[in-house]
C-alpha atoms as a PDB file:
ATOM      1  CA  MET A   1     164.507  15.955  13.235  1.00  0.00           C
ATOM      2  CA  ASP A   2     165.538  14.107  10.099  1.00  0.00           C
ATOM      3  CA  GLN A   3     169.356  14.006   9.558  1.00  0.00           C
ATOM      4  CA  LEU A   4     168.784  14.926   5.897  1.00  0.00           C
ATOM      5  CA  THR A   5     166.976  18.178   6.637  1.00  0.00           C
ATOM      6  CA  GLY A   6     167.498  18.962  10.295  1.00  0.00           C
ATOM      7  CA  PRO A   7     170.223  20.909  12.093  1.00  0.00           C
ATOM      8  CA  GLY A   8     172.534  17.851  11.958  1.00  0.00           C
ATOM      9  CA  PHE A   9     172.641  17.913   8.144  1.00  0.00           C
ATOM     10  CA  GLY A  10     175.929  18.772   6.488  1.00  0.00           C
ATOM     11  CA  LEU A  11     177.645  18.168   3.179  1.00  0.00           C
ATOM     12  CA  GLY A  12     180.638  15.874   3.264  1.00  0.00           C
ATOM     13  CA  GLU A  13     181.352  13.366   0.533  1.00  0.00           C
ATOM     14  CA  ILE A  14     182.115  14.652  -2.964  1.00  0.00           C
ATOM     15  CA  GLY A  15     180.548  12.585  -5.737  1.00  0.00           C
ATOM     16  CA  GLN A  16     181.862  14.310  -8.854  1.00  0.00           C
ATOM     17  CA  ILE A  17     184.114  17.154  -9.959  1.00  0.00           C
ATOM     18  CA  ALA A  18     183.796  18.739 -13.430  1.00  0.00           C
ATOM     19  CA  ILE A  19     186.714  20.192 -15.378  1.00  0.00           C
ATOM     20  CA  PRO A  20     185.966  22.210 -18.529  1.00  0.00           C
ATOM     21  CA  VAL A  21     188.015  21.236 -21.599  1.00  0.00           C
ATOM     22  CA  THR A  22     188.125  22.382 -25.210  1.00  0.00           C
ATOM     23  CA  ASP A  23     189.016  19.076 -26.907  1.00  0.00           C
ATOM     24  CA  ILE A  24     187.570  15.958 -25.271  1.00  0.00           C
ATOM     25  CA  ASP A  25     189.823  13.479 -27.112  1.00  0.00           C
ATOM     26  CA  ARG A  26     192.993  15.404 -26.236  1.00  0.00           C
ATOM     27  CA  ALA A  27     191.835  15.738 -22.621  1.00  0.00           C
ATOM     28  CA  VAL A  28     190.990  12.030 -22.327  1.00  0.00           C
ATOM     29  CA  ALA A  29     194.434  11.114 -23.664  1.00  0.00           C
ATOM     30  CA  PHE A  30     196.118  13.431 -21.132  1.00  0.00           C
ATOM     31  CA  TYR A  31     194.158  12.298 -18.066  1.00  0.00           C
ATOM     32  CA  ARG A  32     194.180   8.595 -19.041  1.00  0.00           C
ATOM     33  CA  ASP A  33     197.565   8.121 -20.695  1.00  0.00           C
ATOM     34  CA  VAL A  34     199.750  10.823 -19.161  1.00  0.00           C
ATOM     35  CA  LEU A  35     198.289  11.111 -15.644  1.00  0.00           C
ATOM     36  CA  GLY A  36     197.380   7.406 -15.567  1.00  0.00           C
ATOM     37  CA  MET A  37     193.865   7.954 -14.223  1.00  0.00           C
ATOM     38  CA  ARG A  38     191.300   5.150 -14.445  1.00  0.00           C
ATOM     39  CA  PHE A  39     189.004   5.901 -17.393  1.00  0.00           C
ATOM     40  CA  LEU A  40     185.362   4.964 -16.822  1.00  0.00           C
ATOM     41  CA  PHE A  41     183.376   5.982 -19.931  1.00  0.00           C
ATOM     42  CA  GLN A  42     182.553   8.698 -22.452  1.00  0.00           C
ATOM     43  CA  ALA A  43     179.034  10.009 -23.065  1.00  0.00           C
ATOM     44  CA  PRO A  44     177.617  12.483 -25.528  1.00  0.00           C
ATOM     45  CA  PRO A  45     177.826  15.416 -25.809  1.00  0.00           C
ATOM     46  CA  GLY A  46     181.574  15.557 -25.144  1.00  0.00           C
ATOM     47  CA  LEU A  47     181.754  14.216 -21.606  1.00  0.00           C
ATOM     48  CA  ALA A  48     184.309  11.751 -20.214  1.00  0.00           C
ATOM     49  CA  PHE A  49     184.470  10.233 -16.750  1.00  0.00           C
ATOM     50  CA  PHE A  50     187.345   8.952 -14.614  1.00  0.00           C
ATOM     51  CA  ASP A  51     187.551   7.372 -11.169  1.00  0.00           C
ATOM     52  CA  CYS A  52     189.613   9.235  -8.574  1.00  0.00           C
ATOM     53  CA  GLY A  53     189.511   6.951  -5.557  1.00  0.00           C
ATOM     54  CA  GLY A  54     185.720   6.827  -5.520  1.00  0.00           C
ATOM     55  CA  VAL A  55     185.136  10.413  -6.670  1.00  0.00           C
ATOM     56  CA  ARG A  56     184.181  10.809 -10.329  1.00  0.00           C
ATOM     57  CA  LEU A  57     186.089  13.343 -12.416  1.00  0.00           C
ATOM     58  CA  MET A  58     184.095  14.591 -15.414  1.00  0.00           C
ATOM     59  CA  LEU A  59     185.795  16.252 -18.369  1.00  0.00           C
ATOM     60  CA  ASP A  60     183.257  18.679 -19.818  1.00  0.00           C
ATOM     61  CA  ALA A  61     183.705  19.833 -23.434  1.00  0.00           C
ATOM     62  CA  PRO A  62     180.291  21.594 -23.571  1.00  0.00           C
ATOM     63  CA  ALA A  63     181.729  24.008 -20.960  1.00  0.00           C
ATOM     64  CA  ALA A  64     184.727  24.787 -23.213  1.00  0.00           C
ATOM     65  CA  GLU A  65     184.344  28.551 -22.714  1.00  0.00           C
ATOM     66  CA  LEU A  66     185.365  27.990 -19.071  1.00  0.00           C
ATOM     67  CA  ALA A  67     188.497  25.963 -19.883  1.00  0.00           C
ATOM     68  CA  GLY A  68     191.489  27.182 -17.906  1.00  0.00           C
ATOM     69  CA  GLN A  69     189.231  28.586 -15.181  1.00  0.00           C
ATOM     70  CA  SER A  70     188.577  25.366 -13.270  1.00  0.00           C
ATOM     71  CA  SER A  71     189.001  25.040  -9.520  1.00  0.00           C
ATOM     72  CA  VAL A  72     192.338  23.494  -8.606  1.00  0.00           C
ATOM     73  CA  VAL A  73     192.164  19.711  -8.251  1.00  0.00           C
ATOM     74  CA  TYR A  74     194.711  18.332  -5.765  1.00  0.00           C
ATOM     75  CA  TYR A  75     195.762  14.694  -6.208  1.00  0.00           C
ATOM     76  CA  LYS A  76     197.073  12.989  -3.063  1.00  0.00           C
ATOM     77  CA  VAL A  77     200.238  10.971  -3.592  1.00  0.00           C
ATOM     78  CA  ALA A  78     202.309   9.017  -1.099  1.00  0.00           C
ATOM     79  CA  VAL A  79     205.763  10.099  -2.318  1.00  0.00           C
ATOM     80  CA  ILE A  80     205.598  13.410  -4.149  1.00  0.00           C
ATOM     81  CA  ARG A  81     209.095  13.277  -5.657  1.00  0.00           C
ATOM     82  CA  ASP A  82     208.364   9.858  -7.229  1.00  0.00           C
ATOM     83  CA  ALA A  83     205.006  11.037  -8.650  1.00  0.00           C
ATOM     84  CA  PHE A  84     206.672  14.236  -9.885  1.00  0.00           C
ATOM     85  CA  ALA A  85     209.431  12.267 -11.649  1.00  0.00           C
ATOM     86  CA  THR A  86     206.966   9.812 -13.227  1.00  0.00           C
ATOM     87  CA  LEU A  87     204.693  12.530 -14.594  1.00  0.00           C
ATOM     88  CA  ALA A  88     207.589  14.710 -15.737  1.00  0.00           C
ATOM     89  CA  GLY A  89     208.901  11.641 -17.596  1.00  0.00           C
ATOM     90  CA  ARG A  90     205.533  11.464 -19.362  1.00  0.00           C
ATOM     91  CA  GLY A  91     205.834  15.063 -20.507  1.00  0.00           C
ATOM     92  CA  VAL A  92     203.983  16.929 -17.756  1.00  0.00           C
ATOM     93  CA  VAL A  93     205.483  20.395 -17.314  1.00  0.00           C
ATOM     94  CA  PHE A  94     205.422  21.505 -13.696  1.00  0.00           C
ATOM     95  CA  GLU A  95     205.356  25.122 -12.622  1.00  0.00           C
ATOM     96  CA  ALA A  96     208.035  24.372 -10.009  1.00  0.00           C
ATOM     97  CA  ASP A  97     209.629  21.440  -8.220  1.00  0.00           C
ATOM     98  CA  PRO A  98     207.746  19.934  -5.264  1.00  0.00           C
ATOM     99  CA  HIS A  99     207.969  22.357  -2.375  1.00  0.00           C
ATOM    100  CA  LEU A 100     207.012  22.630   1.270  1.00  0.00           C
ATOM    101  CA  ILE A 101     203.721  24.444   1.836  1.00  0.00           C
ATOM    102  CA  ALA A 102     203.311  24.098   5.597  1.00  0.00           C
ATOM    103  CA  ARG A 103     204.722  22.353   8.650  1.00  0.00           C
ATOM    104  CA  MET A 104     201.967  20.815  10.742  1.00  0.00           C
ATOM    105  CA  PRO A 105     202.392  19.316  14.217  1.00  0.00           C
ATOM    106  CA  ASP A 106     202.537  15.750  12.838  1.00  0.00           C
ATOM    107  CA  HIS A 107     203.493  16.166   9.144  1.00  0.00           C
ATOM    108  CA  GLU A 108     204.686  18.450   6.388  1.00  0.00           C
ATOM    109  CA  LEU A 109     202.445  19.397   3.454  1.00  0.00           C
ATOM    110  CA  TRP A 110     204.230  19.343   0.087  1.00  0.00           C
ATOM    111  CA  MET A 111     202.812  20.339  -3.320  1.00  0.00           C
ATOM    112  CA  ALA A 112     203.757  20.611  -6.977  1.00  0.00           C
ATOM    113  CA  PHE A 113     201.554  22.377  -9.532  1.00  0.00           C
ATOM    114  CA  PHE A 114     201.013  21.679 -13.237  1.00  0.00           C
ATOM    115  CA  ARG A 115     198.428  22.373 -15.946  1.00  0.00           C
ATOM    116  CA  ASP A 116     196.398  20.182 -18.262  1.00  0.00           C
ATOM    117  CA  PRO A 117     196.276  20.898 -22.038  1.00  0.00           C
ATOM    118  CA  ASP A 118     193.535  23.524 -21.420  1.00  0.00           C
ATOM    119  CA  SER A 119     195.590  25.339 -18.747  1.00  0.00           C
ATOM    120  CA  ASN A 120     193.423  24.077 -15.865  1.00  0.00           C
ATOM    121  CA  LEU A 121     195.629  24.136 -12.764  1.00  0.00           C
ATOM    122  CA  LEU A 122     196.203  20.749 -11.102  1.00  0.00           C
ATOM    123  CA  ALA A 123     198.436  19.765  -8.203  1.00  0.00           C
ATOM    124  CA  LEU A 124     200.137  16.876  -6.502  1.00  0.00           C
ATOM    125  CA  MET A 125     199.938  16.973  -2.722  1.00  0.00           C
ATOM    126  CA  SER A 126     201.664  14.810  -0.154  1.00  0.00           C
ATOM    127  CA  GLU A 127     201.452  14.721   3.612  1.00  0.00           C
ATOM    128  CA  VAL A 128     204.944  13.725   4.704  1.00  0.00           C
ATOM    129  CA  ARG A 129     205.294  12.305   8.205  1.00  0.00           C
END
């Protein structure tokens, strides 16, 4: 059977994630200038795209009525305390300091949560060996 339709088929790679926003210019400034994400382009009507390590992040103003109800986007960082300090220095308000989520056999999982200007929940995550 064909791998695209047969029993071996399965979803894996994520191509794009959409986040609803109410003000596209304010959102672009936050994601580009505050979070330091790589801006790709803007397209009408009210869409903006960023690169997240090969996955596109789309800010979606036409979906403004859903702002603040987005799925949580977790950004992997190598050293969570350094990322936390950098973003806090840029004005990001975190809900709490980085904290241990789980101890795994070969690492610890640490996270710190914050919100964008539309109250969409975002997080830093770090796998500490």
